[in-house]
């Protein structure tokens, strides 16, 4: 009876070892599958992300160029506004002088009558 029990324990241990080896092989296969999928995903990400990074850099460059152009246009507009303000002030001065000159002329014409 004792030998039967020992044989049963040995057989159970052998079955357990065989099941453990089978599980270990399944785990190793899963790890390899995961590694292969991870590599595939990594390559796909690299092929998508790297070109996107490049495109983003190009967009940043274009945005910088547009920003520079906007600053240049704003500077030109400020210059034009200053020139227009100076011209308007000059026109006002001329108009004021003409009005004053006209008033003096009117007064001198009246006094000559």
Protein backbone atom coordinates (compact mmCIF):
# COMPACT_ATOMS: atom_id res chain seq x y z
CA UNK A 1 0.00 0.00 0.00
CA UNK A 2 2.87 2.25 0.85
CA UNK A 3 4.55 1.57 -2.51
CA UNK A 4 1.26 2.26 -4.31
CA UNK A 5 0.98 5.56 -2.47
CA UNK A 6 4.58 6.47 -3.31
CA UNK A 7 4.02 5.50 -6.93
CA UNK A 8 0.90 7.63 -7.00
CA UNK A 9 2.82 10.61 -5.51
CA UNK A 10 5.65 10.14 -8.02
CA UNK A 11 3.15 9.90 -10.88
CA UNK A 12 1.32 13.01 -9.62
CA UNK A 13 4.62 14.88 -9.32
CA UNK A 14 5.62 13.83 -12.83
CA UNK A 15 2.22 14.94 -14.18
CA UNK A 16 2.61 18.25 -12.35
CA UNK A 17 6.12 18.71 -13.77
CA UNK A 18 4.84 17.92 -17.28
CA UNK A 19 1.98 20.41 -16.85
CA UNK A 20 4.43 23.01 -15.53
CA UNK A 21 6.73 22.44 -18.53
CA UNK A 22 3.75 22.76 -20.90
CA UNK A 23 2.65 25.99 -19.17
CA UNK A 24 6.22 27.26 -19.27
CA UNK A 25 6.37 26.60 -23.02
CA UNK A 26 3.03 28.40 -23.51
CA UNK A 27 4.32 31.36 -21.51
CA UNK A 28 7.53 31.44 -23.58
CA UNK A 29 5.47 31.33 -26.79
CA UNK A 30 3.26 34.17 -25.52
CA UNK A 31 6.35 36.21 -24.65
CA UNK A 32 7.76 35.63 -28.14
CA UNK A 33 4.40 36.53 -29.72
CA UNK A 34 4.20 39.68 -27.63
CA UNK A 35 7.77 40.60 -28.59
CA UNK A 36 6.97 40.07 -32.28
CA UNK A 37 3.80 42.16 -32.05
CA UNK A 38 5.64 44.83 -30.07
CA UNK A 39 8.36 44.95 -32.73
CA UNK A 40 5.73 45.22 -35.48
CA UNK A 41 3.91 47.99 -33.62
CA UNK A 42 7.20 49.74 -32.91
CA UNK A 43 8.14 49.68 -36.59
CA UNK A 44 4.68 50.92 -37.58
CA UNK A 45 4.89 53.70 -35.00
CA UNK A 46 8.36 54.65 -36.23
CA UNK A 47 7.19 54.77 -39.84
CA UNK A 48 4.27 56.98 -38.82
CA UNK A 49 5.80 59.10 -36.05
CA UNK A 50 9.10 59.98 -37.72
CA UNK A 51 7.41 61.41 -40.83
CA UNK A 52 4.94 63.23 -38.58
CA UNK A 53 7.80 64.76 -36.60
CA UNK A 54 9.34 65.89 -39.86
CA UNK A 55 6.03 67.38 -41.02
CA UNK A 56 5.58 69.12 -37.67
CA UNK A 57 9.07 70.64 -38.01
CA UNK A 58 8.17 71.90 -41.49
CA UNK A 59 4.92 73.38 -40.15
CA UNK A 60 6.81 75.10 -37.32
CA UNK A 61 9.19 76.55 -39.87
CA UNK A 62 6.30 77.79 -42.01
CA UNK A 63 4.56 79.26 -38.95
CA UNK A 64 7.77 81.08 -38.03
CA UNK A 65 8.02 82.46 -41.58
CA UNK A 66 4.39 83.63 -41.49
CA UNK A 67 4.94 85.19 -38.07
CA UNK A 68 7.98 87.01 -39.42
CA UNK A 69 5.95 88.23 -42.42
CA UNK A 70 3.17 89.41 -40.09
CA UNK A 71 5.70 91.37 -38.03
CA UNK A 72 7.12 92.92 -41.21
CA UNK A 73 3.63 93.87 -42.43
CA UNK A 74 2.77 95.33 -39.02
CA UNK A 75 5.95 97.41 -39.12
CA UNK A 76 5.13 98.63 -42.64
CA UNK A 77 1.59 99.51 -41.55
CA UNK A 78 2.94 101.51 -38.61
CA UNK A 79 5.29 103.36 -40.96
CA UNK A 80 2.41 104.09 -43.36
CA UNK A 81 0.24 105.29 -40.46
CA UNK A 82 2.99 107.66 -39.31
CA UNK A 83 3.41 109.00 -42.86
CA UNK A 84 -0.34 109.43 -43.27
CA UNK A 85 -0.56 111.19 -39.91
CA UNK A 86 2.27 113.53 -40.96
CA UNK A 87 0.53 114.21 -44.31
CA UNK A 88 -2.79 114.87 -42.57
CA UNK A 89 -1.09 117.26 -40.15
CA UNK A 90 0.64 118.97 -43.06
CA UNK A 91 -2.70 119.24 -44.94
CA UNK A 92 -4.32 120.72 -41.81
CA UNK A 93 -1.48 123.21 -41.47
CA UNK A 94 -1.86 124.19 -45.14
CA UNK A 95 -5.64 124.46 -44.80
CA UNK A 96 -5.30 126.52 -41.62
CA UNK A 97 -2.76 128.79 -43.31
CA UNK A 98 -5.03 129.19 -46.34
CA UNK A 99 -7.99 130.02 -44.12
CA UNK A 100 -5.93 132.55 -42.19
CA UNK A 101 -4.51 133.95 -45.42
CA UNK A 102 -7.99 134.09 -46.88
CA UNK A 103 -9.26 135.90 -43.80
CA UNK A 104 -6.45 138.43 -44.06
CA UNK A 105 -7.15 138.89 -47.76
CA UNK A 106 -10.85 139.38 -47.07
CA UNK A 107 -10.03 141.96 -44.40
CA UNK A 108 -7.64 143.82 -46.69
CA UNK A 109 -10.16 143.75 -49.53
CA UNK A 110 -12.83 145.14 -47.25
CA UNK A 111 -10.57 147.90 -46.04
CA UNK A 112 -9.77 148.93 -49.61
CA UNK A 113 -13.43 149.65 -50.31
